[in-house]
């Protein structure tokens, strides 16, 4: 009961000064590879609606829902992610802000016509540049190439109902192929 009461009081206290926002990002990736006799152009596009609260000028929390598609090794894919995040803006100058965003989420990929799917989790830290056009509209860019993160994926064979041992990746730009994504936020 005490934990519920404290959590409720904290939520009310934060919401007094908080501003609700909605927004979204668009990310595009194109990669070309040539290996001996084979040439391959992979591409992907994702749309990421976002909603959350701006607690004050420096802090905001939200959740991002990503859906996308593309072609990897000439196979069509569908991707998804759900990632709650926390953003801290540490430098402000004439409407321009530089910050960092920490997200923790669930991810998945389903190849079209294939028997394998991937599901997993990721933790990422992104640099973010934003520009406040006015008090309600903010343009932003997540610099995915400079992100640092960890991603774990399980490969599932849907025909055999079997999971693999999994795949781990850690590093810069580890879970995003795009260089940057562009987005907009509207604060109410």
C-alpha atoms as a PDB file:
ATOM      1  CA  UNK A   1       0.000   0.000   0.000  1.00  0.00           C
ATOM      2  CA  UNK A   2       2.813   2.402   0.838  1.00  0.00           C
ATOM      3  CA  UNK A   3       4.595   1.765  -2.464  1.00  0.00           C
ATOM      4  CA  UNK A   4       1.356   2.371  -4.391  1.00  0.00           C
ATOM      5  CA  UNK A   5       0.718   5.582  -2.460  1.00  0.00           C
ATOM      6  CA  UNK A   6       4.256   6.893  -3.028  1.00  0.00           C
ATOM      7  CA  UNK A   7       4.119   5.983  -6.744  1.00  0.00           C
ATOM      8  CA  UNK A   8       0.749   7.742  -7.101  1.00  0.00           C
ATOM      9  CA  UNK A   9       2.002  10.871  -5.353  1.00  0.00           C
ATOM     10  CA  UNK A  10       5.126  10.921  -7.512  1.00  0.00           C
ATOM     11  CA  UNK A  11       3.076  10.541 -10.699  1.00  0.00           C
ATOM     12  CA  UNK A  12       0.762  13.392  -9.673  1.00  0.00           C
ATOM     13  CA  UNK A  13       3.684  15.626  -8.691  1.00  0.00           C
ATOM     14  CA  UNK A  14       5.457  14.996 -11.986  1.00  0.00           C
ATOM     15  CA  UNK A  15       2.334  15.492 -14.079  1.00  0.00           C
ATOM     16  CA  UNK A  16       1.693  18.959 -12.651  1.00  0.00           C
ATOM     17  CA  UNK A  17       4.684  20.407 -14.525  1.00  0.00           C
ATOM     18  CA  UNK A  18       4.834  17.790 -17.293  1.00  0.00           C
ATOM     19  CA  UNK A  19       3.705  18.295 -20.868  1.00  0.00           C
ATOM     20  CA  UNK A  20       2.256  15.422 -22.862  1.00  0.00           C
ATOM     21  CA  UNK A  21       3.757  14.974 -26.336  1.00  0.00           C
ATOM     22  CA  UNK A  22       3.277  12.841 -29.429  1.00  0.00           C
ATOM     23  CA  UNK A  23       5.676  12.484 -32.296  1.00  0.00           C
ATOM     24  CA  UNK A  24       7.542  10.114 -34.473  1.00  0.00           C
ATOM     25  CA  UNK A  25      10.711   9.352 -36.361  1.00  0.00           C
ATOM     26  CA  UNK A  26      11.486   8.119 -39.839  1.00  0.00           C
ATOM     27  CA  UNK A  27      14.618   6.062 -40.477  1.00  0.00           C
ATOM     28  CA  UNK A  28      16.016   4.887 -43.818  1.00  0.00           C
ATOM     29  CA  UNK A  29      18.943   2.566 -44.490  1.00  0.00           C
ATOM     30  CA  UNK A  30      20.587   1.467 -47.721  1.00  0.00           C
ATOM     31  CA  UNK A  31      23.617  -0.818 -47.771  1.00  0.00           C
ATOM     32  CA  UNK A  32      25.503  -2.230 -50.738  1.00  0.00           C
ATOM     33  CA  UNK A  33      27.753  -5.290 -50.572  1.00  0.00           C
ATOM     34  CA  UNK A  34      29.738  -7.144 -53.199  1.00  0.00           C
ATOM     35  CA  UNK A  35      31.168 -10.533 -52.319  1.00  0.00           C
ATOM     36  CA  UNK A  36      32.958 -12.246 -55.194  1.00  0.00           C
ATOM     37  CA  UNK A  37      30.308 -12.913 -57.847  1.00  0.00           C
ATOM     38  CA  UNK A  38      27.368 -11.714 -55.736  1.00  0.00           C
ATOM     39  CA  UNK A  39      26.077  -8.172 -55.436  1.00  0.00           C
ATOM     40  CA  UNK A  40      23.455  -7.270 -52.893  1.00  0.00           C
ATOM     41  CA  UNK A  41      21.669  -4.066 -51.959  1.00  0.00           C
ATOM     42  CA  UNK A  42      19.893  -4.206 -48.612  1.00  0.00           C
ATOM     43  CA  UNK A  43      17.407  -1.513 -47.659  1.00  0.00           C
ATOM     44  CA  UNK A  44      15.099  -0.779 -44.765  1.00  0.00           C
ATOM     45  CA  UNK A  45      12.650   1.896 -43.722  1.00  0.00           C
ATOM     46  CA  UNK A  46      11.047   2.294 -40.327  1.00  0.00           C
ATOM     47  CA  UNK A  47       8.401   4.534 -38.825  1.00  0.00           C
ATOM     48  CA  UNK A  48       8.433   5.077 -35.072  1.00  0.00           C
ATOM     49  CA  UNK A  49       5.438   6.779 -33.430  1.00  0.00           C
ATOM     50  CA  UNK A  50       6.311   8.143 -29.980  1.00  0.00           C
ATOM     51  CA  UNK A  51       4.381   9.376 -26.974  1.00  0.00           C
ATOM     52  CA  UNK A  52       5.417  10.557 -23.543  1.00  0.00           C
ATOM     53  CA  UNK A  53       5.871  13.392 -21.049  1.00  0.00           C
ATOM     54  CA  UNK A  54       8.311  16.243 -20.932  1.00  0.00           C
ATOM     55  CA  UNK A  55       8.949  16.557 -17.201  1.00  0.00           C
ATOM     56  CA  UNK A  56      10.919  19.789 -17.606  1.00  0.00           C
ATOM     57  CA  UNK A  57      13.259  21.412 -20.140  1.00  0.00           C
ATOM     58  CA  UNK A  58      15.962  18.801 -19.508  1.00  0.00           C
ATOM     59  CA  UNK A  59      14.092  15.528 -18.853  1.00  0.00           C
ATOM     60  CA  UNK A  60      11.529  13.584 -20.829  1.00  0.00           C
ATOM     61  CA  UNK A  61      10.261  10.014 -20.753  1.00  0.00           C
ATOM     62  CA  UNK A  62       8.347   8.188 -23.410  1.00  0.00           C
ATOM     63  CA  UNK A  63       7.769   5.036 -25.364  1.00  0.00           C
ATOM     64  CA  UNK A  64       8.516   4.409 -29.020  1.00  0.00           C
ATOM     65  CA  UNK A  65       6.678   1.882 -31.195  1.00  0.00           C
ATOM     66  CA  UNK A  66       8.694   1.018 -34.285  1.00  0.00           C
ATOM     67  CA  UNK A  67       7.463  -0.806 -37.382  1.00  0.00           C
ATOM     68  CA  UNK A  68       9.448  -1.262 -40.527  1.00  0.00           C
ATOM     69  CA  UNK A  69      10.242  -3.315 -43.524  1.00  0.00           C
ATOM     70  CA  UNK A  70      12.957  -3.887 -46.044  1.00  0.00           C
ATOM     71  CA  UNK A  71      15.021  -6.377 -47.958  1.00  0.00           C
ATOM     72  CA  UNK A  72      17.975  -8.214 -46.439  1.00  0.00           C
ATOM     73  CA  UNK A  73      19.869 -10.552 -48.790  1.00  0.00           C
ATOM     74  CA  UNK A  74      16.962 -10.154 -51.257  1.00  0.00           C
ATOM     75  CA  UNK A  75      14.482 -11.466 -48.655  1.00  0.00           C
ATOM     76  CA  UNK A  76      11.612  -9.162 -47.648  1.00  0.00           C
ATOM     77  CA  UNK A  77      11.412  -8.540 -43.885  1.00  0.00           C
ATOM     78  CA  UNK A  78       9.020  -7.024 -41.355  1.00  0.00           C
ATOM     79  CA  UNK A  79      10.529  -5.547 -38.168  1.00  0.00           C
ATOM     80  CA  UNK A  80       9.035  -4.204 -34.951  1.00  0.00           C
ATOM     81  CA  UNK A  81      10.173  -2.789 -31.611  1.00  0.00           C
ATOM     82  CA  UNK A  82       8.661  -1.376 -28.436  1.00  0.00           C
ATOM     83  CA  UNK A  83      11.101   0.720 -26.423  1.00  0.00           C
ATOM     84  CA  UNK A  84      10.468   2.885 -23.362  1.00  0.00           C
ATOM     85  CA  UNK A  85      13.091   5.625 -23.114  1.00  0.00           C
ATOM     86  CA  UNK A  86      14.498   8.392 -20.942  1.00  0.00           C
ATOM     87  CA  UNK A  87      16.085  11.510 -22.479  1.00  0.00           C
ATOM     88  CA  UNK A  88      18.313  14.083 -20.796  1.00  0.00           C
ATOM     89  CA  UNK A  89      19.171  17.323 -22.640  1.00  0.00           C
ATOM     90  CA  UNK A  90      22.372  18.781 -21.277  1.00  0.00           C
ATOM     91  CA  UNK A  91      23.085  21.652 -23.681  1.00  0.00           C
ATOM     92  CA  UNK A  92      20.548  24.328 -24.723  1.00  0.00           C
ATOM     93  CA  UNK A  93      21.210  27.275 -27.022  1.00  0.00           C
ATOM     94  CA  UNK A  94      18.558  29.384 -28.854  1.00  0.00           C
ATOM     95  CA  UNK A  95      16.076  26.543 -29.326  1.00  0.00           C
ATOM     96  CA  UNK A  96      18.783  24.007 -30.149  1.00  0.00           C
ATOM     97  CA  UNK A  97      19.350  21.168 -27.673  1.00  0.00           C
ATOM     98  CA  UNK A  98      21.866  18.350 -27.464  1.00  0.00           C
ATOM     99  CA  UNK A  99      21.061  15.352 -25.326  1.00  0.00           C
ATOM    100  CA  UNK A 100      21.300  11.618 -24.789  1.00  0.00           C
ATOM    101  CA  UNK A 101      18.522   9.048 -24.903  1.00  0.00           C
ATOM    102  CA  UNK A 102      18.597   5.691 -23.111  1.00  0.00           C
ATOM    103  CA  UNK A 103      16.113   3.095 -24.357  1.00  0.00           C
ATOM    104  CA  UNK A 104      15.375  -0.472 -23.304  1.00  0.00           C
ATOM    105  CA  UNK A 105      13.094  -2.471 -25.525  1.00  0.00           C
ATOM    106  CA  UNK A 106      11.826  -5.610 -27.185  1.00  0.00           C
ATOM    107  CA  UNK A 107      12.581  -6.187 -30.880  1.00  0.00           C
ATOM    108  CA  UNK A 108      11.619  -8.661 -33.562  1.00  0.00           C
ATOM    109  CA  UNK A 109      11.996  -9.500 -37.234  1.00  0.00           C
ATOM    110  CA  UNK A 110       9.877 -11.771 -39.394  1.00  0.00           C
ATOM    111  CA  UNK A 111      11.177 -12.617 -42.868  1.00  0.00           C
ATOM    112  CA  UNK A 112       8.425 -12.861 -45.467  1.00  0.00           C
ATOM    113  CA  UNK A 113       8.005 -16.404 -46.750  1.00  0.00           C
ATOM    114  CA  UNK A 114      10.624 -17.727 -44.339  1.00  0.00           C
ATOM    115  CA  UNK A 115      10.335 -20.211 -41.510  1.00  0.00           C
ATOM    116  CA  UNK A 116      12.577 -18.256 -39.159  1.00  0.00           C
ATOM    117  CA  UNK A 117      11.787 -15.277 -36.962  1.00  0.00           C
ATOM    118  CA  UNK A 118      13.893 -13.301 -34.507  1.00  0.00           C
ATOM    119  CA  UNK A 119      12.825 -11.877 -31.168  1.00  0.00           C
ATOM    120  CA  UNK A 120      14.988 -10.246 -28.556  1.00  0.00           C
ATOM    121  CA  UNK A 121      15.867  -7.277 -26.410  1.00  0.00           C
ATOM    122  CA  UNK A 122      18.068  -4.236 -26.753  1.00  0.00           C
ATOM    123  CA  UNK A 123      19.548  -1.466 -24.638  1.00  0.00           C
ATOM    124  CA  UNK A 124      20.773   1.630 -26.499  1.00  0.00           C
ATOM    125  CA  UNK A 125      22.239   5.035 -25.760  1.00  0.00           C
ATOM    126  CA  UNK A 126      21.752   7.619 -28.551  1.00  0.00           C
ATOM    127  CA  UNK A 127      22.955  11.178 -29.009  1.00  0.00           C
ATOM    128  CA  UNK A 128      19.966  13.377 -29.942  1.00  0.00           C
ATOM    129  CA  UNK A 129      19.896  16.847 -31.508  1.00  0.00           C
ATOM    130  CA  UNK A 130      16.633  18.785 -31.356  1.00  0.00           C
ATOM    131  CA  UNK A 131      15.413  22.200 -32.421  1.00  0.00           C
ATOM    132  CA  UNK A 132      12.331  23.899 -30.954  1.00  0.00           C
ATOM    133  CA  UNK A 133      10.560  25.640 -33.842  1.00  0.00           C
ATOM    134  CA  UNK A 134       8.058  27.106 -31.363  1.00  0.00           C
ATOM    135  CA  UNK A 135       6.717  26.156 -27.921  1.00  0.00           C
ATOM    136  CA  UNK A 136       4.760  23.199 -29.363  1.00  0.00           C
ATOM    137  CA  UNK A 137       6.791  21.882 -32.327  1.00  0.00           C
ATOM    138  CA  UNK A 138      10.230  20.262 -32.027  1.00  0.00           C
ATOM    139  CA  UNK A 139      12.339  18.773 -34.813  1.00  0.00           C
ATOM    140  CA  UNK A 140      14.805  16.080 -33.772  1.00  0.00           C
ATOM    141  CA  UNK A 141      17.435  13.711 -35.093  1.00  0.00           C
ATOM    142  CA  UNK A 142      18.739  10.586 -33.379  1.00  0.00           C
ATOM    143  CA  UNK A 143      22.312   9.950 -34.448  1.00  0.00           C
ATOM    144  CA  UNK A 144      22.083   6.177 -34.685  1.00  0.00           C
ATOM    145  CA  UNK A 145      25.559   5.756 -36.130  1.00  0.00           C
ATOM    146  CA  UNK A 146      26.996   7.143 -32.873  1.00  0.00           C
ATOM    147  CA  UNK A 147      24.748   5.028 -30.636  1.00  0.00           C
ATOM    148  CA  UNK A 148      26.160   2.517 -28.202  1.00  0.00           C
ATOM    149  CA  UNK A 149      24.167  -0.535 -27.290  1.00  0.00           C
ATOM    150  CA  UNK A 150      23.620  -4.186 -26.598  1.00  0.00           C
ATOM    151  CA  UNK A 151      21.237  -6.449 -28.478  1.00  0.00           C
ATOM    152  CA  UNK A 152      20.226 -10.064 -27.883  1.00  0.00           C
ATOM    153  CA  UNK A 153      18.245 -11.992 -30.495  1.00  0.00           C
ATOM    154  CA  UNK A 154      16.787 -15.501 -30.446  1.00  0.00           C
ATOM    155  CA  UNK A 155      16.244 -17.166 -33.795  1.00  0.00           C
ATOM    156  CA  UNK A 156      13.058 -19.242 -33.891  1.00  0.00           C
ATOM    157  CA  UNK A 157      12.425 -21.983 -36.433  1.00  0.00           C
ATOM    158  CA  UNK A 158       8.666 -21.687 -36.827  1.00  0.00           C
ATOM    159  CA  UNK A 159       8.364 -25.030 -38.621  1.00  0.00           C
ATOM    160  CA  UNK A 160      10.137 -26.971 -35.864  1.00  0.00           C
ATOM    161  CA  UNK A 161       8.947 -24.802 -32.933  1.00  0.00           C
ATOM    162  CA  UNK A 162      12.569 -24.478 -31.793  1.00  0.00           C
ATOM    163  CA  UNK A 163      14.695 -21.561 -30.507  1.00  0.00           C
ATOM    164  CA  UNK A 164      18.397 -21.189 -31.262  1.00  0.00           C
ATOM    165  CA  UNK A 165      21.088 -20.399 -28.719  1.00  0.00           C
ATOM    166  CA  UNK A 166      20.791 -16.698 -29.494  1.00  0.00           C
ATOM    167  CA  UNK A 167      22.968 -13.926 -30.855  1.00  0.00           C
ATOM    168  CA  UNK A 168      24.604 -11.142 -28.818  1.00  0.00           C
ATOM    169  CA  UNK A 169      26.003  -7.898 -30.197  1.00  0.00           C
ATOM    170  CA  UNK A 170      27.625  -4.992 -28.372  1.00  0.00           C
ATOM    171  CA  UNK A 171      29.122  -1.842 -29.824  1.00  0.00           C
ATOM    172  CA  UNK A 172      28.620   1.456 -31.617  1.00  0.00           C
ATOM    173  CA  UNK A 173      25.660   1.598 -34.000  1.00  0.00           C
ATOM    174  CA  UNK A 174      25.029  -2.031 -33.046  1.00  0.00           C
ATOM    175  CA  UNK A 175      21.274  -2.209 -33.420  1.00  0.00           C
ATOM    176  CA  UNK A 176      20.586   0.311 -36.149  1.00  0.00           C
ATOM    177  CA  UNK A 177      21.846   0.360 -39.689  1.00  0.00           C
ATOM    178  CA  UNK A 178      20.784   3.914 -40.448  1.00  0.00           C
ATOM    179  CA  UNK A 179      23.101   6.861 -39.919  1.00  0.00           C
ATOM    180  CA  UNK A 180      20.380   9.040 -38.381  1.00  0.00           C
ATOM    181  CA  UNK A 181      16.625   9.237 -38.097  1.00  0.00           C
ATOM    182  CA  UNK A 182      14.581  12.395 -38.458  1.00  0.00           C
ATOM    183  CA  UNK A 183      11.555  13.126 -36.329  1.00  0.00           C
ATOM    184  CA  UNK A 184       9.078  15.624 -35.014  1.00  0.00           C
ATOM    185  CA  UNK A 185       7.461  16.093 -31.593  1.00  0.00           C
ATOM    186  CA  UNK A 186       4.303  18.047 -30.843  1.00  0.00           C
ATOM    187  CA  UNK A 187       3.836  19.160 -27.222  1.00  0.00           C
ATOM    188  CA  UNK A 188       0.312  19.851 -25.978  1.00  0.00           C
END
